[in-house]
Amino acid sequence: KYTKFSICYYWINSLGQKISIYNKSDVPIPSGAVNKTVTIPYDHRFVLLEKTSSTGTYYCEVKWNDMQKVGKGVFVLARGTGYIDTSYGWEILVTLTVLLAALSITATALLLWKRK
């Protein structure tokens, strides 16, 4: 009775709409896993599912003949621009310039103080 199940991945967007990502029926339970908790990994690459954003709560749902289980869900904040690597070039240049200026002023002050 429980040897096969169907699995569904979906997300609920900011408008409360349920949007299906992946469905598979008749998934067999892995061998040796009878009466045990089974973890079946599923990798999903995020693509913009809507033109605006893929932000929302993502769920996994498993159905047997007379039973249904839904995961707790994972909230994902997706942005269309992606990750932008921060450049520290200007910060390093300004820090180095300030450090050299401070050393130059200190050296000049010491030379003038030594002359007196």
N, C-alpha and C. Protein backbone atom coordinates (compact mmCIF):
# COMPACT_ATOMS: atom_id res chain seq x y z
N LYS A 1 0.81 -1.20 0.00
CA LYS A 1 0.00 0.00 0.00
C LYS A 1 0.86 1.26 0.00
N TYR A 2 1.94 1.27 0.78
CA TYR A 2 2.77 2.46 0.89
C TYR A 2 4.11 2.30 0.18
N THR A 3 4.19 1.43 -0.81
CA THR A 3 5.48 1.19 -1.48
C THR A 3 5.81 2.26 -2.50
N LYS A 4 4.82 3.00 -2.95
CA LYS A 4 5.06 4.08 -3.90
C LYS A 4 4.29 5.31 -3.45
N PHE A 5 4.82 6.46 -3.78
CA PHE A 5 4.18 7.72 -3.40
C PHE A 5 4.41 8.74 -4.50
N SER A 6 3.73 9.85 -4.41
CA SER A 6 3.99 10.96 -5.34
C SER A 6 4.57 12.12 -4.54
N ILE A 7 5.40 12.89 -5.21
CA ILE A 7 6.07 14.00 -4.54
C ILE A 7 5.86 15.27 -5.37
N CYS A 8 5.69 16.38 -4.68
CA CYS A 8 5.41 17.64 -5.35
C CYS A 8 6.17 18.75 -4.64
N TYR A 9 6.87 19.56 -5.40
CA TYR A 9 7.53 20.75 -4.86
C TYR A 9 6.80 21.96 -5.42
N TYR A 10 6.49 22.90 -4.56
CA TYR A 10 5.80 24.10 -5.00
C TYR A 10 6.17 25.27 -4.11
N TRP A 11 5.79 26.45 -4.53
CA TRP A 11 6.01 27.62 -3.70
C TRP A 11 4.76 28.48 -3.68
N ILE A 12 4.65 29.26 -2.63
CA ILE A 12 3.53 30.18 -2.50
C ILE A 12 4.11 31.58 -2.57
N ASN A 13 3.69 32.31 -3.58
CA ASN A 13 4.26 33.64 -3.80
C ASN A 13 3.64 34.67 -2.86
N SER A 14 4.04 35.92 -3.04
CA SER A 14 3.58 36.99 -2.14
C SER A 14 2.08 37.26 -2.26
N LEU A 15 1.45 36.79 -3.34
CA LEU A 15 0.00 36.96 -3.51
C LEU A 15 -0.78 35.78 -2.96
N GLY A 16 -0.07 34.79 -2.40
CA GLY A 16 -0.72 33.62 -1.83
C GLY A 16 -1.06 32.55 -2.86
N GLN A 17 -0.52 32.67 -4.06
CA GLN A 17 -0.79 31.70 -5.12
C GLN A 17 0.16 30.52 -5.02
N LYS A 18 -0.36 29.32 -5.19
CA LYS A 18 0.44 28.10 -5.16
C LYS A 18 0.94 27.82 -6.57
N ILE A 19 2.27 27.78 -6.74
CA ILE A 19 2.87 27.59 -8.06
C ILE A 19 3.72 26.33 -8.03
N SER A 20 3.38 25.37 -8.88
CA SER A 20 4.07 24.08 -8.92
C SER A 20 5.45 24.22 -9.56
N ILE A 21 6.45 23.54 -8.97
CA ILE A 21 7.80 23.54 -9.50
C ILE A 21 8.13 22.17 -10.10
N TYR A 22 7.74 21.11 -9.40
CA TYR A 22 8.13 19.76 -9.80
C TYR A 22 7.11 18.77 -9.28
N ASN A 23 6.71 17.82 -10.11
CA ASN A 23 5.79 16.75 -9.70
C ASN A 23 6.34 15.43 -10.21
N LYS A 24 6.23 14.40 -9.39
CA LYS A 24 6.61 13.07 -9.82
C LYS A 24 5.70 12.06 -9.13
N SER A 25 5.13 11.16 -9.93
CA SER A 25 4.23 10.13 -9.39
C SER A 25 4.94 8.79 -9.36
N ASP A 26 4.40 7.89 -8.56
CA ASP A 26 4.92 6.51 -8.45
C ASP A 26 6.41 6.46 -8.12
N VAL A 27 6.82 7.25 -7.14
CA VAL A 27 8.20 7.21 -6.67
C VAL A 27 8.35 6.02 -5.75
N PRO A 28 9.26 5.08 -6.04
CA PRO A 28 9.39 3.92 -5.15
C PRO A 28 10.16 4.28 -3.89
N ILE A 29 9.79 3.64 -2.79
CA ILE A 29 10.54 3.81 -1.54
C ILE A 29 11.86 3.07 -1.72
N PRO A 30 12.99 3.70 -1.34
CA PRO A 30 14.29 3.03 -1.50
C PRO A 30 14.33 1.70 -0.77
N SER A 31 15.04 0.73 -1.34
CA SER A 31 15.10 -0.60 -0.72
C SER A 31 15.72 -0.53 0.66
N GLY A 32 15.22 -1.35 1.57
CA GLY A 32 15.72 -1.38 2.94
C GLY A 32 15.19 -0.25 3.79
N ALA A 33 14.23 0.50 3.31
CA ALA A 33 13.73 1.65 4.05
C ALA A 33 12.30 1.47 4.55
N VAL A 34 11.82 0.26 4.58
CA VAL A 34 10.46 0.02 5.04
C VAL A 34 10.37 0.30 6.53
N ASN A 35 9.33 1.00 6.96
CA ASN A 35 9.10 1.39 8.36
C ASN A 35 10.21 2.26 8.93
N LYS A 36 10.87 3.02 8.07
CA LYS A 36 11.92 3.94 8.51
C LYS A 36 11.71 5.29 7.82
N THR A 37 12.25 6.33 8.43
CA THR A 37 12.21 7.64 7.79
C THR A 37 13.20 7.64 6.64
N VAL A 38 12.76 8.15 5.51
CA VAL A 38 13.60 8.15 4.31
C VAL A 38 13.82 9.59 3.86
N THR A 39 15.05 9.91 3.53
CA THR A 39 15.36 11.21 2.97
C THR A 39 15.74 11.03 1.51
N ILE A 40 15.03 11.73 0.65
CA ILE A 40 15.33 11.69 -0.78
C ILE A 40 15.71 13.11 -1.18
N PRO A 41 16.97 13.33 -1.55
CA PRO A 41 17.39 14.69 -1.90
C PRO A 41 16.82 15.13 -3.25
N TYR A 42 16.57 16.40 -3.35
CA TYR A 42 16.12 16.98 -4.61
C TYR A 42 16.78 18.34 -4.75
N ASP A 43 17.56 18.51 -5.80
CA ASP A 43 18.23 19.79 -6.04
C ASP A 43 17.38 20.62 -6.99
N HIS A 44 17.22 21.87 -6.64
CA HIS A 44 16.44 22.77 -7.49
C HIS A 44 17.25 24.04 -7.71
N ARG A 45 17.44 24.40 -8.96
CA ARG A 45 18.12 25.65 -9.29
C ARG A 45 17.05 26.71 -9.47
N PHE A 46 17.22 27.80 -8.77
CA PHE A 46 16.22 28.87 -8.83
C PHE A 46 16.37 29.66 -10.11
N VAL A 47 15.30 29.77 -10.81
CA VAL A 47 15.18 30.65 -11.96
C VAL A 47 13.99 31.54 -11.66
N LEU A 48 13.95 32.69 -12.24
CA LEU A 48 12.82 33.56 -11.98
C LEU A 48 11.56 32.89 -12.51
N LEU A 49 10.73 32.44 -11.60
CA LEU A 49 9.50 31.76 -11.99
C LEU A 49 8.46 32.76 -12.45
N GLU A 50 8.58 33.96 -11.99
CA GLU A 50 7.70 35.04 -12.43
C GLU A 50 8.60 36.17 -12.89
N LYS A 51 8.05 37.10 -13.64
CA LYS A 51 8.87 38.20 -14.13
C LYS A 51 9.33 39.11 -13.00
N THR A 52 8.59 39.16 -11.92
CA THR A 52 8.94 40.07 -10.83
C THR A 52 9.91 39.45 -9.85
N SER A 53 9.60 38.27 -9.33
CA SER A 53 10.44 37.70 -8.29
C SER A 53 10.06 36.25 -8.02
N SER A 54 10.99 35.51 -7.45
CA SER A 54 10.72 34.14 -7.01
C SER A 54 10.66 34.07 -5.50
N THR A 55 10.50 35.22 -4.85
CA THR A 55 10.41 35.27 -3.41
C THR A 55 9.13 34.58 -2.94
N GLY A 56 9.26 33.79 -1.88
CA GLY A 56 8.09 33.12 -1.33
C GLY A 56 8.52 31.96 -0.46
N THR A 57 7.56 31.18 -0.02
CA THR A 57 7.84 30.01 0.81
C THR A 57 7.72 28.76 -0.06
N TYR A 58 8.77 27.95 -0.04
CA TYR A 58 8.84 26.74 -0.86
C TYR A 58 8.51 25.52 0.00
N TYR A 59 7.72 24.60 -0.55
CA TYR A 59 7.24 23.44 0.18
C TYR A 59 7.50 22.15 -0.59
N CYS A 60 7.55 21.07 0.18
CA CYS A 60 7.59 19.72 -0.36
C CYS A 60 6.35 19.00 0.17
N GLU A 61 5.65 18.31 -0.73
CA GLU A 61 4.44 17.60 -0.33
C GLU A 61 4.53 16.16 -0.83
N VAL A 62 4.22 15.21 0.03
CA VAL A 62 4.26 13.79 -0.33
C VAL A 62 2.87 13.21 -0.13
N LYS A 63 2.41 12.43 -1.12
CA LYS A 63 1.07 11.83 -1.04
C LYS A 63 1.16 10.33 -1.24
N TRP A 64 0.49 9.60 -0.35
CA TRP A 64 0.25 8.17 -0.51
C TRP A 64 -1.21 8.03 -0.89
N ASN A 65 -1.71 6.81 -0.92
CA ASN A 65 -3.11 6.58 -1.30
C ASN A 65 -4.08 7.37 -0.42
N ASP A 66 -3.94 7.26 0.89
CA ASP A 66 -4.91 7.89 1.79
C ASP A 66 -4.26 8.87 2.77
N MET A 67 -3.03 9.26 2.50
CA MET A 67 -2.32 10.13 3.43
C MET A 67 -1.53 11.18 2.65
N GLN A 68 -1.39 12.35 3.29
CA GLN A 68 -0.65 13.45 2.67
C GLN A 68 0.16 14.15 3.74
N LYS A 69 1.42 14.45 3.45
CA LYS A 69 2.29 15.17 4.39
C LYS A 69 2.92 16.35 3.67
N VAL A 70 2.95 17.51 4.35
CA VAL A 70 3.55 18.71 3.79
C VAL A 70 4.66 19.18 4.72
N GLY A 71 5.80 19.54 4.14
CA GLY A 71 6.91 20.05 4.94
C GLY A 71 6.60 21.41 5.54
N LYS A 72 7.48 21.86 6.43
CA LYS A 72 7.27 23.14 7.11
C LYS A 72 7.47 24.33 6.18
N GLY A 73 8.20 24.12 5.10
CA GLY A 73 8.44 25.21 4.16
C GLY A 73 9.70 25.97 4.47
N VAL A 74 10.27 26.54 3.44
CA VAL A 74 11.48 27.35 3.56
C VAL A 74 11.22 28.67 2.85
N PHE A 75 11.40 29.78 3.57
CA PHE A 75 11.20 31.09 2.95
C PHE A 75 12.46 31.49 2.21
N VAL A 76 12.31 31.90 0.96
CA VAL A 76 13.45 32.33 0.14
C VAL A 76 13.17 33.74 -0.36
N LEU A 77 14.15 34.62 -0.13
CA LEU A 77 14.08 35.98 -0.66
C LEU A 77 14.95 36.01 -1.90
N ALA A 78 14.33 36.09 -3.08
CA ALA A 78 15.07 36.06 -4.34
C ALA A 78 15.07 37.45 -4.95
N ARG A 79 16.21 37.82 -5.51
CA ARG A 79 16.33 39.11 -6.17
C ARG A 79 16.78 38.90 -7.60
N GLY A 80 16.22 39.65 -8.50
CA GLY A 80 16.52 39.49 -9.92
C GLY A 80 17.93 39.89 -10.30
N THR A 81 18.57 40.78 -9.53
CA THR A 81 19.90 41.24 -9.89
C THR A 81 20.98 40.25 -9.52
N GLY A 82 20.69 39.34 -8.61
CA GLY A 82 21.69 38.36 -8.22
C GLY A 82 22.70 38.93 -7.24
N TYR A 83 23.73 38.17 -6.99
CA TYR A 83 24.76 38.57 -6.04
C TYR A 83 25.79 39.42 -6.76
N ILE A 84 26.12 40.55 -6.18
CA ILE A 84 27.14 41.43 -6.73
C ILE A 84 28.33 41.42 -5.79
N ASP A 85 29.47 41.00 -6.31
CA ASP A 85 30.68 40.92 -5.50
C ASP A 85 31.14 42.33 -5.14
N THR A 86 31.42 42.57 -3.88
CA THR A 86 31.86 43.88 -3.42
C THR A 86 33.33 44.07 -3.74
N SER A 87 33.65 45.22 -4.31
CA SER A 87 35.03 45.55 -4.64
C SER A 87 35.59 46.46 -3.54
N TYR A 88 36.74 46.09 -3.03
CA TYR A 88 37.37 46.89 -1.97
C TYR A 88 38.51 47.73 -2.52
N GLY A 89 38.61 47.91 -3.82
CA GLY A 89 39.71 48.66 -4.44
C GLY A 89 39.82 50.08 -3.94
N TRP A 90 38.69 50.82 -3.94
CA TRP A 90 38.71 52.21 -3.50
C TRP A 90 39.01 52.33 -2.02
N GLU A 91 38.48 51.43 -1.22
CA GLU A 91 38.74 51.49 0.22
C GLU A 91 40.22 51.28 0.53
N ILE A 92 40.84 50.35 -0.17
CA ILE A 92 42.28 50.08 0.04
C ILE A 92 43.10 51.27 -0.41
N LEU A 93 42.75 51.86 -1.56
CA LEU A 93 43.49 53.02 -2.07
C LEU A 93 43.39 54.21 -1.13
N VAL A 94 42.21 54.49 -0.61
CA VAL A 94 42.03 55.63 0.32
C VAL A 94 42.78 55.37 1.62
N THR A 95 42.71 54.14 2.14
CA THR A 95 43.41 53.80 3.38
C THR A 95 44.91 53.95 3.21
N LEU A 96 45.45 53.47 2.09
CA LEU A 96 46.89 53.57 1.83
C LEU A 96 47.32 55.02 1.68
N THR A 97 46.51 55.84 1.01
CA THR A 97 46.83 57.26 0.84
C THR A 97 46.83 57.99 2.19
N VAL A 98 45.84 57.73 3.02
CA VAL A 98 45.78 58.36 4.35
C VAL A 98 46.97 57.93 5.20
N LEU A 99 47.32 56.65 5.15
CA LEU A 99 48.46 56.14 5.93
C LEU A 99 49.77 56.79 5.48
N LEU A 100 49.98 56.88 4.16
CA LEU A 100 51.20 57.52 3.66
C LEU A 100 51.23 59.01 4.00
N ALA A 101 50.11 59.69 3.94
CA ALA A 101 50.05 61.11 4.31
C ALA A 101 50.38 61.29 5.78
N ALA A 102 49.84 60.43 6.65
CA ALA A 102 50.13 60.53 8.08
C ALA A 102 51.61 60.29 8.35
N LEU A 103 52.20 59.29 7.69
CA LEU A 103 53.63 59.02 7.86
C LEU A 103 54.48 60.19 7.37
N SER A 104 54.08 60.78 6.25
CA SER A 104 54.81 61.92 5.69
C SER A 104 54.76 63.12 6.63
N ILE A 105 53.60 63.41 7.19
CA ILE A 105 53.46 64.53 8.12
C ILE A 105 54.28 64.27 9.38
N THR A 106 54.23 63.05 9.89
CA THR A 106 55.00 62.70 11.09
C THR A 106 56.50 62.82 10.83
N ALA A 107 56.97 62.33 9.68
CA ALA A 107 58.40 62.42 9.35
C ALA A 107 58.83 63.88 9.21
N THR A 108 58.03 64.71 8.58
CA THR A 108 58.35 66.12 8.43
C THR A 108 58.40 66.81 9.80
N ALA A 109 57.46 66.51 10.66
CA ALA A 109 57.44 67.09 12.00
C ALA A 109 58.68 66.68 12.79
N LEU A 110 59.08 65.41 12.69
CA LEU A 110 60.27 64.95 13.41
C LEU A 110 61.53 65.62 12.88
N LEU A 111 61.65 65.80 11.56
CA LEU A 111 62.82 66.48 10.98
C LEU A 111 62.90 67.92 11.44
N LEU A 112 61.75 68.63 11.44
CA LEU A 112 61.74 70.02 11.89
C LEU A 112 62.05 70.12 13.37
N TRP A 113 61.56 69.19 14.16
CA TRP A 113 61.82 69.20 15.60
C TRP A 113 63.28 68.91 15.91
N LYS A 114 63.92 68.04 15.09
CA LYS A 114 65.33 67.69 15.29
C LYS A 114 66.23 68.85 14.92
N ARG A 115 65.86 69.69 13.94
CA ARG A 115 66.67 70.83 13.51
C ARG A 115 66.77 71.89 14.59
N LYS A 116 65.75 72.02 15.40
CA LYS A 116 65.74 73.05 16.44
C LYS A 116 66.61 72.56 17.53
